[in-house]
């Protein structure tokens, strides 16, 4: 799973071809920490179809705001640089995250 920051987010996510998963998390976000093992498992399982990244919004607040990330956790799917779907806060459950990943994993090989 690739860790991106304010300097690499553009090239790794917004300029990437295909499907990119972004885990937006923060230093003090307990739900984010609880989801991490699940997200890492999905990254192992689906990394041949989707590029997996994560961004610490605590260190990239302006970037997070520019991506309309207003609460955490947020799990988002980008396709060819456009955000096409996201799960926010209570909607970001392991089952829903995997459902979203599967939807995009089936539609576009990396």
PDB file of N, CA and C in Angstrom:
ATOM      1  N   UNK A   1       0.857  -1.177   0.000  1.00  0.00           N
ATOM      2  CA  UNK A   1       0.000   0.000   0.000  1.00  0.00           C
ATOM      3  C   UNK A   1       0.898   1.232   0.000  1.00  0.00           C
ATOM      4  N   UNK A   2       0.690   2.081  -0.948  1.00  0.00           N
ATOM      5  CA  UNK A   2       1.541   3.246  -1.143  1.00  0.00           C
ATOM      6  C   UNK A   2       1.085   4.409  -0.263  1.00  0.00           C
ATOM      7  N   UNK A   3       2.003   4.955   0.521  1.00  0.00           N
ATOM      8  CA  UNK A   3       1.694   6.135   1.330  1.00  0.00           C
ATOM      9  C   UNK A   3       1.958   7.360   0.466  1.00  0.00           C
ATOM     10  N   UNK A   4       0.916   8.182   0.286  1.00  0.00           N
ATOM     11  CA  UNK A   4       1.077   9.411  -0.486  1.00  0.00           C
ATOM     12  C   UNK A   4       1.003  10.608   0.451  1.00  0.00           C
ATOM     13  N   UNK A   5       1.543  11.740  -0.004  1.00  0.00           N
ATOM     14  CA  UNK A   5       1.472  12.976   0.773  1.00  0.00           C
ATOM     15  C   UNK A   5       1.101  14.117  -0.165  1.00  0.00           C
ATOM     16  N   UNK A   6       1.170  15.338   0.352  1.00  0.00           N
ATOM     17  CA  UNK A   6       0.732  16.459  -0.478  1.00  0.00           C
ATOM     18  C   UNK A   6       1.591  16.619  -1.733  1.00  0.00           C
ATOM     19  N   UNK A   7       2.813  16.137  -1.699  1.00  0.00           N
ATOM     20  CA  UNK A   7       3.696  16.246  -2.861  1.00  0.00           C
ATOM     21  C   UNK A   7       3.475  15.137  -3.891  1.00  0.00           C
ATOM     22  N   UNK A   8       3.031  13.962  -3.445  1.00  0.00           N
ATOM     23  CA  UNK A   8       2.907  12.829  -4.376  1.00  0.00           C
ATOM     24  C   UNK A   8       1.454  12.476  -4.734  1.00  0.00           C
ATOM     25  N   UNK A   9       0.495  13.066  -4.045  1.00  0.00           N
ATOM     26  CA  UNK A   9      -0.913  12.738  -4.295  1.00  0.00           C
ATOM     27  C   UNK A   9      -1.297  13.004  -5.754  1.00  0.00           C
ATOM     28  N   UNK A  10      -0.867  14.129  -6.277  1.00  0.00           N
ATOM     29  CA  UNK A  10      -1.214  14.481  -7.657  1.00  0.00           C
ATOM     30  C   UNK A  10      -0.737  13.440  -8.650  1.00  0.00           C
ATOM     31  N   UNK A  11       0.548  13.098  -8.582  1.00  0.00           N
ATOM     32  CA  UNK A  11       1.095  12.158  -9.562  1.00  0.00           C
ATOM     33  C   UNK A  11       0.586  10.739  -9.341  1.00  0.00           C
ATOM     34  N   UNK A  12       0.396  10.325  -8.095  1.00  0.00           N
ATOM     35  CA  UNK A  12       0.005   8.943  -7.805  1.00  0.00           C
ATOM     36  C   UNK A  12      -1.502   8.687  -7.899  1.00  0.00           C
ATOM     37  N   UNK A  13      -2.308   9.737  -7.700  1.00  0.00           N
ATOM     38  CA  UNK A  13      -3.767   9.549  -7.696  1.00  0.00           C
ATOM     39  C   UNK A  13      -4.432  10.336  -8.830  1.00  0.00           C
ATOM     40  N   UNK A  14      -4.227  11.654  -8.843  1.00  0.00           N
ATOM     41  CA  UNK A  14      -4.949  12.498  -9.800  1.00  0.00           C
ATOM     42  C   UNK A  14      -4.464  12.329 -11.236  1.00  0.00           C
ATOM     43  N   UNK A  15      -3.199  11.959 -11.413  1.00  0.00           N
ATOM     44  CA  UNK A  15      -2.668  11.769 -12.770  1.00  0.00           C
ATOM     45  C   UNK A  15      -2.560  10.295 -13.147  1.00  0.00           C
ATOM     46  N   UNK A  16      -3.000   9.425 -12.256  1.00  0.00           N
ATOM     47  CA  UNK A  16      -2.894   7.983 -12.506  1.00  0.00           C
ATOM     48  C   UNK A  16      -3.957   7.526 -13.496  1.00  0.00           C
ATOM     49  N   UNK A  17      -3.575   6.566 -14.320  1.00  0.00           N
ATOM     50  CA  UNK A  17      -4.552   5.938 -15.201  1.00  0.00           C
ATOM     51  C   UNK A  17      -5.145   4.748 -14.458  1.00  0.00           C
ATOM     52  N   UNK A  18      -6.421   4.479 -14.719  1.00  0.00           N
ATOM     53  CA  UNK A  18      -7.059   3.344 -14.074  1.00  0.00           C
ATOM     54  C   UNK A  18      -7.654   3.712 -12.730  1.00  0.00           C
ATOM     55  N   UNK A  19      -7.824   2.698 -11.896  1.00  0.00           N
ATOM     56  CA  UNK A  19      -8.536   2.844 -10.627  1.00  0.00           C
ATOM     57  C   UNK A  19      -7.543   2.921  -9.471  1.00  0.00           C
ATOM     58  N   UNK A  20      -7.759   3.922  -8.604  1.00  0.00           N
ATOM     59  CA  UNK A  20      -6.917   4.109  -7.421  1.00  0.00           C
ATOM     60  C   UNK A  20      -7.825   4.208  -6.195  1.00  0.00           C
ATOM     61  N   UNK A  21      -7.503   3.424  -5.176  1.00  0.00           N
ATOM     62  CA  UNK A  21      -8.207   3.469  -3.887  1.00  0.00           C
ATOM     63  C   UNK A  21      -7.403   4.373  -2.965  1.00  0.00           C
ATOM     64  N   UNK A  22      -8.080   5.295  -2.279  1.00  0.00           N
ATOM     65  CA  UNK A  22      -7.391   6.160  -1.324  1.00  0.00           C
ATOM     66  C   UNK A  22      -8.048   6.032   0.047  1.00  0.00           C
ATOM     67  N   UNK A  23      -7.233   5.684   1.040  1.00  0.00           N
ATOM     68  CA  UNK A  23      -7.657   5.648   2.435  1.00  0.00           C
ATOM     69  C   UNK A  23      -7.218   6.976   3.046  1.00  0.00           C
ATOM     70  N   UNK A  24      -8.184   7.875   3.273  1.00  0.00           N
ATOM     71  CA  UNK A  24      -7.893   9.142   3.934  1.00  0.00           C
ATOM     72  C   UNK A  24      -8.005   8.902   5.439  1.00  0.00           C
ATOM     73  N   UNK A  25      -6.929   9.120   6.175  1.00  0.00           N
ATOM     74  CA  UNK A  25      -6.938   8.874   7.618  1.00  0.00           C
ATOM     75  C   UNK A  25      -6.243  10.026   8.344  1.00  0.00           C
ATOM     76  N   UNK A  26      -6.401  10.040   9.669  1.00  0.00           N
ATOM     77  CA  UNK A  26      -5.754  11.072  10.481  1.00  0.00           C
ATOM     78  C   UNK A  26      -5.100  10.454  11.698  1.00  0.00           C
ATOM     79  N   UNK A  27      -4.136  11.183  12.266  1.00  0.00           N
ATOM     80  CA  UNK A  27      -3.377  10.668  13.408  1.00  0.00           C
ATOM     81  C   UNK A  27      -4.256  10.263  14.586  1.00  0.00           C
ATOM     82  N   UNK A  28      -5.267  11.052  14.913  1.00  0.00           N
ATOM     83  CA  UNK A  28      -6.082  10.765  16.093  1.00  0.00           C
ATOM     84  C   UNK A  28      -7.377  10.047  15.788  1.00  0.00           C
ATOM     85  N   UNK A  29      -7.503   9.505  14.601  1.00  0.00           N
ATOM     86  CA  UNK A  29      -8.773   8.889  14.170  1.00  0.00           C
ATOM     87  C   UNK A  29      -8.804   7.411  14.555  1.00  0.00           C
ATOM     88  N   UNK A  30      -9.520   7.097  15.634  1.00  0.00           N
ATOM     89  CA  UNK A  30      -9.608   5.704  16.091  1.00  0.00           C
ATOM     90  C   UNK A  30     -10.338   4.801  15.094  1.00  0.00           C
ATOM     91  N   UNK A  31     -11.468   5.249  14.484  1.00  0.00           N
ATOM     92  CA  UNK A  31     -12.109   4.393  13.473  1.00  0.00           C
ATOM     93  C   UNK A  31     -11.166   4.093  12.303  1.00  0.00           C
ATOM     94  N   UNK A  32     -10.314   5.066  11.951  1.00  0.00           N
ATOM     95  CA  UNK A  32      -9.337   4.845  10.867  1.00  0.00           C
ATOM     96  C   UNK A  32      -8.383   3.716  11.248  1.00  0.00           C
ATOM     97  N   UNK A  33      -7.904   3.754  12.497  1.00  0.00           N
ATOM     98  CA  UNK A  33      -6.975   2.721  12.971  1.00  0.00           C
ATOM     99  C   UNK A  33      -7.644   1.349  12.976  1.00  0.00           C
ATOM    100  N   UNK A  34      -8.924   1.313  13.341  1.00  0.00           N
ATOM    101  CA  UNK A  34      -9.655   0.042  13.381  1.00  0.00           C
ATOM    102  C   UNK A  34      -9.842  -0.534  11.981  1.00  0.00           C
ATOM    103  N   UNK A  35      -9.985   0.327  10.978  1.00  0.00           N
ATOM    104  CA  UNK A  35     -10.199  -0.137   9.609  1.00  0.00           C
ATOM    105  C   UNK A  35      -8.905  -0.555   8.909  1.00  0.00           C
ATOM    106  N   UNK A  36      -7.776  -0.054   9.380  1.00  0.00           N
ATOM    107  CA  UNK A  36      -6.511  -0.276   8.681  1.00  0.00           C
ATOM    108  C   UNK A  36      -6.196  -1.741   8.379  1.00  0.00           C
ATOM    109  N   UNK A  37      -6.335  -2.672   9.349  1.00  0.00           N
ATOM    110  CA  UNK A  37      -6.031  -4.078   9.017  1.00  0.00           C
ATOM    111  C   UNK A  37      -6.903  -4.616   7.883  1.00  0.00           C
ATOM    112  N   UNK A  38      -8.173  -4.186   7.842  1.00  0.00           N
ATOM    113  CA  UNK A  38      -9.086  -4.624   6.781  1.00  0.00           C
ATOM    114  C   UNK A  38      -8.631  -4.061   5.433  1.00  0.00           C
ATOM    115  N   UNK A  39      -8.303  -2.774   5.432  1.00  0.00           N
ATOM    116  CA  UNK A  39      -7.879  -2.123   4.193  1.00  0.00           C
ATOM    117  C   UNK A  39      -6.584  -2.754   3.680  1.00  0.00           C
ATOM    118  N   UNK A  40      -5.667  -3.059   4.586  1.00  0.00           N
ATOM    119  CA  UNK A  40      -4.411  -3.688   4.169  1.00  0.00           C
ATOM    120  C   UNK A  40      -4.664  -5.079   3.575  1.00  0.00           C
ATOM    121  N   UNK A  41      -5.627  -5.790   4.135  1.00  0.00           N
ATOM    122  CA  UNK A  41      -5.988  -7.109   3.600  1.00  0.00           C
ATOM    123  C   UNK A  41      -6.572  -6.957   2.189  1.00  0.00           C
ATOM    124  N   UNK A  42      -7.456  -5.970   2.008  1.00  0.00           N
ATOM    125  CA  UNK A  42      -8.036  -5.733   0.680  1.00  0.00           C
ATOM    126  C   UNK A  42      -6.942  -5.347  -0.313  1.00  0.00           C
ATOM    127  N   UNK A  43      -5.969  -4.567   0.149  1.00  0.00           N
ATOM    128  CA  UNK A  43      -4.869  -4.141  -0.720  1.00  0.00           C
ATOM    129  C   UNK A  43      -4.095  -5.358  -1.211  1.00  0.00           C
ATOM    130  N   UNK A  44      -3.866  -6.309  -0.316  1.00  0.00           N
ATOM    131  CA  UNK A  44      -3.169  -7.541  -0.724  1.00  0.00           C
ATOM    132  C   UNK A  44      -3.999  -8.331  -1.724  1.00  0.00           C
ATOM    133  N   UNK A  45      -5.293  -8.401  -1.455  1.00  0.00           N
ATOM    134  CA  UNK A  45      -6.186  -9.222  -2.271  1.00  0.00           C
ATOM    135  C   UNK A  45      -6.433  -8.650  -3.667  1.00  0.00           C
ATOM    136  N   UNK A  46      -6.568  -7.327  -3.756  1.00  0.00           N
ATOM    137  CA  UNK A  46      -7.018  -6.713  -5.009  1.00  0.00           C
ATOM    138  C   UNK A  46      -5.962  -5.835  -5.684  1.00  0.00           C
ATOM    139  N   UNK A  47      -4.720  -5.887  -5.207  1.00  0.00           N
ATOM    140  CA  UNK A  47      -3.702  -4.975  -5.744  1.00  0.00           C
ATOM    141  C   UNK A  47      -3.350  -5.250  -7.209  1.00  0.00           C
ATOM    142  N   UNK A  48      -3.737  -6.405  -7.721  1.00  0.00           N
ATOM    143  CA  UNK A  48      -3.497  -6.665  -9.140  1.00  0.00           C
ATOM    144  C   UNK A  48      -4.504  -5.951 -10.025  1.00  0.00           C
ATOM    145  N   UNK A  49      -5.591  -5.444  -9.420  1.00  0.00           N
ATOM    146  CA  UNK A  49      -6.637  -4.776 -10.194  1.00  0.00           C
ATOM    147  C   UNK A  49      -6.760  -3.281  -9.872  1.00  0.00           C
ATOM    148  N   UNK A  50      -6.407  -2.916  -8.639  1.00  0.00           N
ATOM    149  CA  UNK A  50      -6.560  -1.529  -8.173  1.00  0.00           C
ATOM    150  C   UNK A  50      -5.280  -1.115  -7.464  1.00  0.00           C
ATOM    151  N   UNK A  51      -4.899   0.130  -7.657  1.00  0.00           N
ATOM    152  CA  UNK A  51      -3.744   0.691  -6.933  1.00  0.00           C
ATOM    153  C   UNK A  51      -4.254   1.198  -5.582  1.00  0.00           C
ATOM    154  N   UNK A  52      -3.599   0.798  -4.500  1.00  0.00           N
ATOM    155  CA  UNK A  52      -4.022   1.182  -3.150  1.00  0.00           C
ATOM    156  C   UNK A  52      -3.067   2.223  -2.573  1.00  0.00           C
ATOM    157  N   UNK A  53      -3.646   3.320  -2.092  1.00  0.00           N
ATOM    158  CA  UNK A  53      -2.849   4.384  -1.481  1.00  0.00           C
ATOM    159  C   UNK A  53      -3.516   4.828  -0.179  1.00  0.00           C
ATOM    160  N   UNK A  54      -2.735   5.520   0.650  1.00  0.00           N
ATOM    161  CA  UNK A  54      -3.326   6.130   1.842  1.00  0.00           C
ATOM    162  C   UNK A  54      -2.682   7.483   2.076  1.00  0.00           C
ATOM    163  N   UNK A  55      -3.494   8.412   2.583  1.00  0.00           N
ATOM    164  CA  UNK A  55      -3.056   9.784   2.814  1.00  0.00           C
ATOM    165  C   UNK A  55      -3.385  10.196   4.237  1.00  0.00           C
ATOM    166  N   UNK A  56      -2.370  10.643   4.963  1.00  0.00           N
ATOM    167  CA  UNK A  56      -2.579  11.167   6.312  1.00  0.00           C
ATOM    168  C   UNK A  56      -3.027  12.623   6.193  1.00  0.00           C
ATOM    169  N   UNK A  57      -4.312  12.862   6.448  1.00  0.00           N
ATOM    170  CA  UNK A  57      -4.858  14.210   6.279  1.00  0.00           C
ATOM    171  C   UNK A  57      -4.362  15.184   7.348  1.00  0.00           C
ATOM    172  N   UNK A  58      -3.849  14.661   8.462  1.00  0.00           N
ATOM    173  CA  UNK A  58      -3.301  15.535   9.503  1.00  0.00           C
ATOM    174  C   UNK A  58      -2.115  16.326   8.940  1.00  0.00           C
ATOM    175  N   UNK A  59      -1.382  15.710   8.032  1.00  0.00           N
ATOM    176  CA  UNK A  59      -0.204  16.352   7.450  1.00  0.00           C
ATOM    177  C   UNK A  59      -0.503  17.001   6.099  1.00  0.00           C
ATOM    178  N   UNK A  60      -1.742  16.913   5.646  1.00  0.00           N
ATOM    179  CA  UNK A  60      -2.098  17.454   4.325  1.00  0.00           C
ATOM    180  C   UNK A  60      -3.514  18.026   4.360  1.00  0.00           C
ATOM    181  N   UNK A  61      -3.737  18.944   5.290  1.00  0.00           N
ATOM    182  CA  UNK A  61      -5.098  19.477   5.478  1.00  0.00           C
ATOM    183  C   UNK A  61      -5.654  20.189   4.253  1.00  0.00           C
ATOM    184  N   UNK A  62      -4.841  21.037   3.633  1.00  0.00           N
ATOM    185  CA  UNK A  62      -5.329  21.767   2.452  1.00  0.00           C
ATOM    186  C   UNK A  62      -5.709  20.807   1.331  1.00  0.00           C
ATOM    187  N   UNK A  63      -4.878  19.814   1.134  1.00  0.00           N
ATOM    188  CA  UNK A  63      -5.161  18.806   0.110  1.00  0.00           C
ATOM    189  C   UNK A  63      -6.457  18.075   0.427  1.00  0.00           C
ATOM    190  N   UNK A  64      -6.627  17.686   1.686  1.00  0.00           N
ATOM    191  CA  UNK A  64      -7.853  16.986   2.092  1.00  0.00           C
ATOM    192  C   UNK A  64      -9.080  17.849   1.821  1.00  0.00           C
ATOM    193  N   UNK A  65      -8.994  19.117   2.170  1.00  0.00           N
ATOM    194  CA  UNK A  65     -10.123  20.024   1.943  1.00  0.00           C
ATOM    195  C   UNK A  65     -10.382  20.168   0.443  1.00  0.00           C
ATOM    196  N   UNK A  66      -9.324  20.254  -0.348  1.00  0.00           N
ATOM    197  CA  UNK A  66      -9.500  20.387  -1.800  1.00  0.00           C
ATOM    198  C   UNK A  66     -10.177  19.146  -2.393  1.00  0.00           C
ATOM    199  N   UNK A  67     -10.026  18.003  -1.732  1.00  0.00           N
ATOM    200  CA  UNK A  67     -10.685  16.771  -2.170  1.00  0.00           C
ATOM    201  C   UNK A  67     -12.031  16.565  -1.473  1.00  0.00           C
ATOM    202  N   UNK A  68     -12.475  17.603  -0.761  1.00  0.00           N
ATOM    203  CA  UNK A  68     -13.765  17.599  -0.047  1.00  0.00           C
ATOM    204  C   UNK A  68     -13.827  16.520   1.030  1.00  0.00           C
ATOM    205  N   UNK A  69     -12.688  16.308   1.692  1.00  0.00           N
ATOM    206  CA  UNK A  69     -12.625  15.374   2.814  1.00  0.00           C
ATOM    207  C   UNK A  69     -12.858  16.201   4.073  1.00  0.00           C
ATOM    208  N   UNK A  70     -14.058  16.100   4.625  1.00  0.00           N
ATOM    209  CA  UNK A  70     -14.433  16.964   5.742  1.00  0.00           C
ATOM    210  C   UNK A  70     -14.571  16.219   7.056  1.00  0.00           C
ATOM    211  N   UNK A  71     -14.560  14.904   7.000  1.00  0.00           N
ATOM    212  CA  UNK A  71     -14.615  14.077   8.209  1.00  0.00           C
ATOM    213  C   UNK A  71     -13.874  12.791   7.920  1.00  0.00           C
ATOM    214  N   UNK A  72     -13.573  12.034   8.949  1.00  0.00           N
ATOM    215  CA  UNK A  72     -12.830  10.780   8.764  1.00  0.00           C
ATOM    216  C   UNK A  72     -13.554   9.636   9.465  1.00  0.00           C
ATOM    217  N   UNK A  73     -13.327   8.411   9.042  1.00  0.00           N
ATOM    218  CA  UNK A  73     -12.529   8.000   7.890  1.00  0.00           C
ATOM    219  C   UNK A  73     -13.260   8.206   6.573  1.00  0.00           C
ATOM    220  N   UNK A  74     -12.478   8.313   5.495  1.00  0.00           N
ATOM    221  CA  UNK A  74     -13.031   8.352   4.141  1.00  0.00           C
ATOM    222  C   UNK A  74     -12.239   7.370   3.293  1.00  0.00           C
ATOM    223  N   UNK A  75     -12.957   6.498   2.609  1.00  0.00           N
ATOM    224  CA  UNK A  75     -12.367   5.568   1.642  1.00  0.00           C
ATOM    225  C   UNK A  75     -12.908   5.974   0.285  1.00  0.00           C
ATOM    226  N   UNK A  76     -12.013   6.291  -0.636  1.00  0.00           N
ATOM    227  CA  UNK A  76     -12.462   6.821  -1.927  1.00  0.00           C
ATOM    228  C   UNK A  76     -11.865   6.023  -3.083  1.00  0.00           C
ATOM    229  N   UNK A  77     -12.630   6.011  -4.168  1.00  0.00           N
ATOM    230  CA  UNK A  77     -12.167   5.408  -5.414  1.00  0.00           C
ATOM    231  C   UNK A  77     -12.044   6.526  -6.444  1.00  0.00           C
ATOM    232  N   UNK A  78     -10.876   6.567  -7.075  1.00  0.00           N
ATOM    233  CA  UNK A  78     -10.634   7.503  -8.170  1.00  0.00           C
ATOM    234  C   UNK A  78     -10.451   6.686  -9.442  1.00  0.00           C
ATOM    235  N   UNK A  79     -11.013   7.176 -10.537  1.00  0.00           N
ATOM    236  CA  UNK A  79     -10.795   6.535 -11.831  1.00  0.00           C
ATOM    237  C   UNK A  79     -10.274   7.610 -12.786  1.00  0.00           C
ATOM    238  N   UNK A  80      -9.082   7.355 -13.305  1.00  0.00           N
ATOM    239  CA  UNK A  80      -8.438   8.309 -14.219  1.00  0.00           C
ATOM    240  C   UNK A  80      -8.430   9.725 -13.639  1.00  0.00           C
ATOM    241  N   UNK A  81      -8.124   9.821 -12.342  1.00  0.00           N
ATOM    242  CA  UNK A  81      -7.971  11.129 -11.694  1.00  0.00           C
ATOM    243  C   UNK A  81      -9.234  11.758 -11.142  1.00  0.00           C
ATOM    244  N   UNK A  82     -10.380  11.156 -11.395  1.00  0.00           N
ATOM    245  CA  UNK A  82     -11.654  11.698 -10.903  1.00  0.00           C
ATOM    246  C   UNK A  82     -12.168  10.843  -9.756  1.00  0.00           C
ATOM    247  N   UNK A  83     -12.607  11.505  -8.674  1.00  0.00           N
ATOM    248  CA  UNK A  83     -13.218  10.734  -7.583  1.00  0.00           C
ATOM    249  C   UNK A  83     -14.589  10.272  -8.057  1.00  0.00           C
ATOM    250  N   UNK A  84     -14.804   8.960  -8.037  1.00  0.00           N
ATOM    251  CA  UNK A  84     -16.067   8.418  -8.549  1.00  0.00           C
ATOM    252  C   UNK A  84     -16.964   7.854  -7.453  1.00  0.00           C
ATOM    253  N   UNK A  85     -16.373   7.547  -6.298  1.00  0.00           N
ATOM    254  CA  UNK A  85     -17.188   7.029  -5.199  1.00  0.00           C
ATOM    255  C   UNK A  85     -16.404   7.147  -3.902  1.00  0.00           C
ATOM    256  N   UNK A  86     -17.149   7.315  -2.803  1.00  0.00           N
ATOM    257  CA  UNK A  86     -16.481   7.337  -1.501  1.00  0.00           C
ATOM    258  C   UNK A  86     -17.428   6.851  -0.423  1.00  0.00           C
ATOM    259  N   UNK A  87     -16.823   6.321   0.641  1.00  0.00           N
ATOM    260  CA  UNK A  87     -17.560   5.927   1.847  1.00  0.00           C
ATOM    261  C   UNK A  87     -17.028   6.811   2.966  1.00  0.00           C
ATOM    262  N   UNK A  88     -17.953   7.416   3.719  1.00  0.00           N
ATOM    263  CA  UNK A  88     -17.566   8.390   4.740  1.00  0.00           C
ATOM    264  C   UNK A  88     -18.060   7.955   6.110  1.00  0.00           C
ATOM    265  N   UNK A  89     -17.220   8.154   7.098  1.00  0.00           N
ATOM    266  CA  UNK A  89     -17.537   7.923   8.512  1.00  0.00           C
ATOM    267  C   UNK A  89     -18.210   6.580   8.742  1.00  0.00           C
ATOM    268  N   UNK A  90     -19.463   6.581   9.231  1.00  0.00           N
ATOM    269  CA  UNK A  90     -20.145   5.339   9.617  1.00  0.00           C
ATOM    270  C   UNK A  90     -20.412   4.402   8.442  1.00  0.00           C
ATOM    271  N   UNK A  91     -20.434   4.953   7.213  1.00  0.00           N
ATOM    272  CA  UNK A  91     -20.645   4.108   6.034  1.00  0.00           C
ATOM    273  C   UNK A  91     -19.400   3.301   5.683  1.00  0.00           C
ATOM    274  N   UNK A  92     -18.252   3.698   6.227  1.00  0.00           N
ATOM    275  CA  UNK A  92     -16.982   3.030   5.907  1.00  0.00           C
ATOM    276  C   UNK A  92     -16.791   1.802   6.796  1.00  0.00           C
ATOM    277  N   UNK A  93     -17.583   0.775   6.529  1.00  0.00           N
ATOM    278  CA  UNK A  93     -17.444  -0.497   7.253  1.00  0.00           C
ATOM    279  C   UNK A  93     -16.625  -1.444   6.370  1.00  0.00           C
ATOM    280  N   UNK A  94     -15.974  -2.436   6.967  1.00  0.00           N
ATOM    281  CA  UNK A  94     -15.200  -3.371   6.138  1.00  0.00           C
ATOM    282  C   UNK A  94     -16.013  -3.989   5.005  1.00  0.00           C
ATOM    283  N   UNK A  95     -17.256  -4.377   5.274  1.00  0.00           N
ATOM    284  CA  UNK A  95     -18.090  -4.996   4.235  1.00  0.00           C
ATOM    285  C   UNK A  95     -18.386  -4.027   3.097  1.00  0.00           C
ATOM    286  N   UNK A  96     -18.737  -2.801   3.446  1.00  0.00           N
ATOM    287  CA  UNK A  96     -19.066  -1.809   2.407  1.00  0.00           C
ATOM    288  C   UNK A  96     -17.827  -1.420   1.611  1.00  0.00           C
ATOM    289  N   UNK A  97     -16.680  -1.344   2.295  1.00  0.00           N
ATOM    290  CA  UNK A  97     -15.426  -1.009   1.602  1.00  0.00           C
ATOM    291  C   UNK A  97     -15.101  -2.095   0.580  1.00  0.00           C
ATOM    292  N   UNK A  98     -15.215  -3.352   1.011  1.00  0.00           N
ATOM    293  CA  UNK A  98     -14.906  -4.442   0.078  1.00  0.00           C
ATOM    294  C   UNK A  98     -15.884  -4.470  -1.090  1.00  0.00           C
ATOM    295  N   UNK A  99     -17.151  -4.193  -0.821  1.00  0.00           N
ATOM    296  CA  UNK A  99     -18.156  -4.127  -1.888  1.00  0.00           C
ATOM    297  C   UNK A  99     -17.756  -3.086  -2.929  1.00  0.00           C
ATOM    298  N   UNK A 100     -17.365  -1.908  -2.452  1.00  0.00           N
ATOM    299  CA  UNK A 100     -16.971  -0.819  -3.347  1.00  0.00           C
ATOM    300  C   UNK A 100     -15.730  -1.215  -4.152  1.00  0.00           C
ATOM    301  N   UNK A 101     -14.754  -1.822  -3.488  1.00  0.00           N
ATOM    302  CA  UNK A 101     -13.523  -2.248  -4.170  1.00  0.00           C
ATOM    303  C   UNK A 101     -13.856  -3.275  -5.251  1.00  0.00           C
ATOM    304  N   UNK A 102     -14.682  -4.255  -4.914  1.00  0.00           N
ATOM    305  CA  UNK A 102     -15.037  -5.309  -5.869  1.00  0.00           C
ATOM    306  C   UNK A 102     -15.700  -4.720  -7.107  1.00  0.00           C
ATOM    307  N   UNK A 103     -16.566  -3.741  -6.893  1.00  0.00           N
ATOM    308  CA  UNK A 103     -17.278  -3.114  -8.006  1.00  0.00           C
ATOM    309  C   UNK A 103     -16.286  -2.560  -9.040  1.00  0.00           C
ATOM    310  N   UNK A 104     -15.233  -1.925  -8.560  1.00  0.00           N
ATOM    311  CA  UNK A 104     -14.259  -1.310  -9.472  1.00  0.00           C
ATOM    312  C   UNK A 104     -13.181  -2.286  -9.909  1.00  0.00           C
ATOM    313  N   UNK A 105     -12.904  -3.285  -9.103  1.00  0.00           N
ATOM    314  CA  UNK A 105     -11.895  -4.293  -9.457  1.00  0.00           C
ATOM    315  C   UNK A 105     -12.378  -5.111 -10.653  1.00  0.00           C
ATOM    316  N   UNK A 106     -13.677  -5.313 -10.720  1.00  0.00           N
ATOM    317  CA  UNK A 106     -14.241  -6.122 -11.804  1.00  0.00           C
ATOM    318  C   UNK A 106     -14.341  -5.346 -13.108  1.00  0.00           C
ATOM    319  N   UNK A 107     -14.389  -4.011 -13.003  1.00  0.00           N
ATOM    320  CA  UNK A 107     -14.616  -3.218 -14.219  1.00  0.00           C
ATOM    321  C   UNK A 107     -13.341  -2.762 -14.902  1.00  0.00           C
ATOM    322  N   UNK A 108     -12.204  -2.767 -14.194  1.00  0.00           N
ATOM    323  CA  UNK A 108     -11.013  -2.265 -14.871  1.00  0.00           C
ATOM    324  C   UNK A 108      -9.730  -2.870 -14.344  1.00  0.00           C
ATOM    325  N   UNK A 109      -9.078  -3.663 -15.173  1.00  0.00           N
ATOM    326  CA  UNK A 109      -7.765  -4.184 -14.766  1.00  0.00           C
ATOM    327  C   UNK A 109      -6.714  -3.087 -14.788  1.00  0.00           C
ATOM    328  N   UNK A 110      -5.740  -3.195 -13.917  1.00  0.00           N
ATOM    329  CA  UNK A 110      -4.682  -2.183 -13.848  1.00  0.00           C
ATOM    330  C   UNK A 110      -3.771  -2.349 -15.059  1.00  0.00           C
TER     331      UNK A 110
END
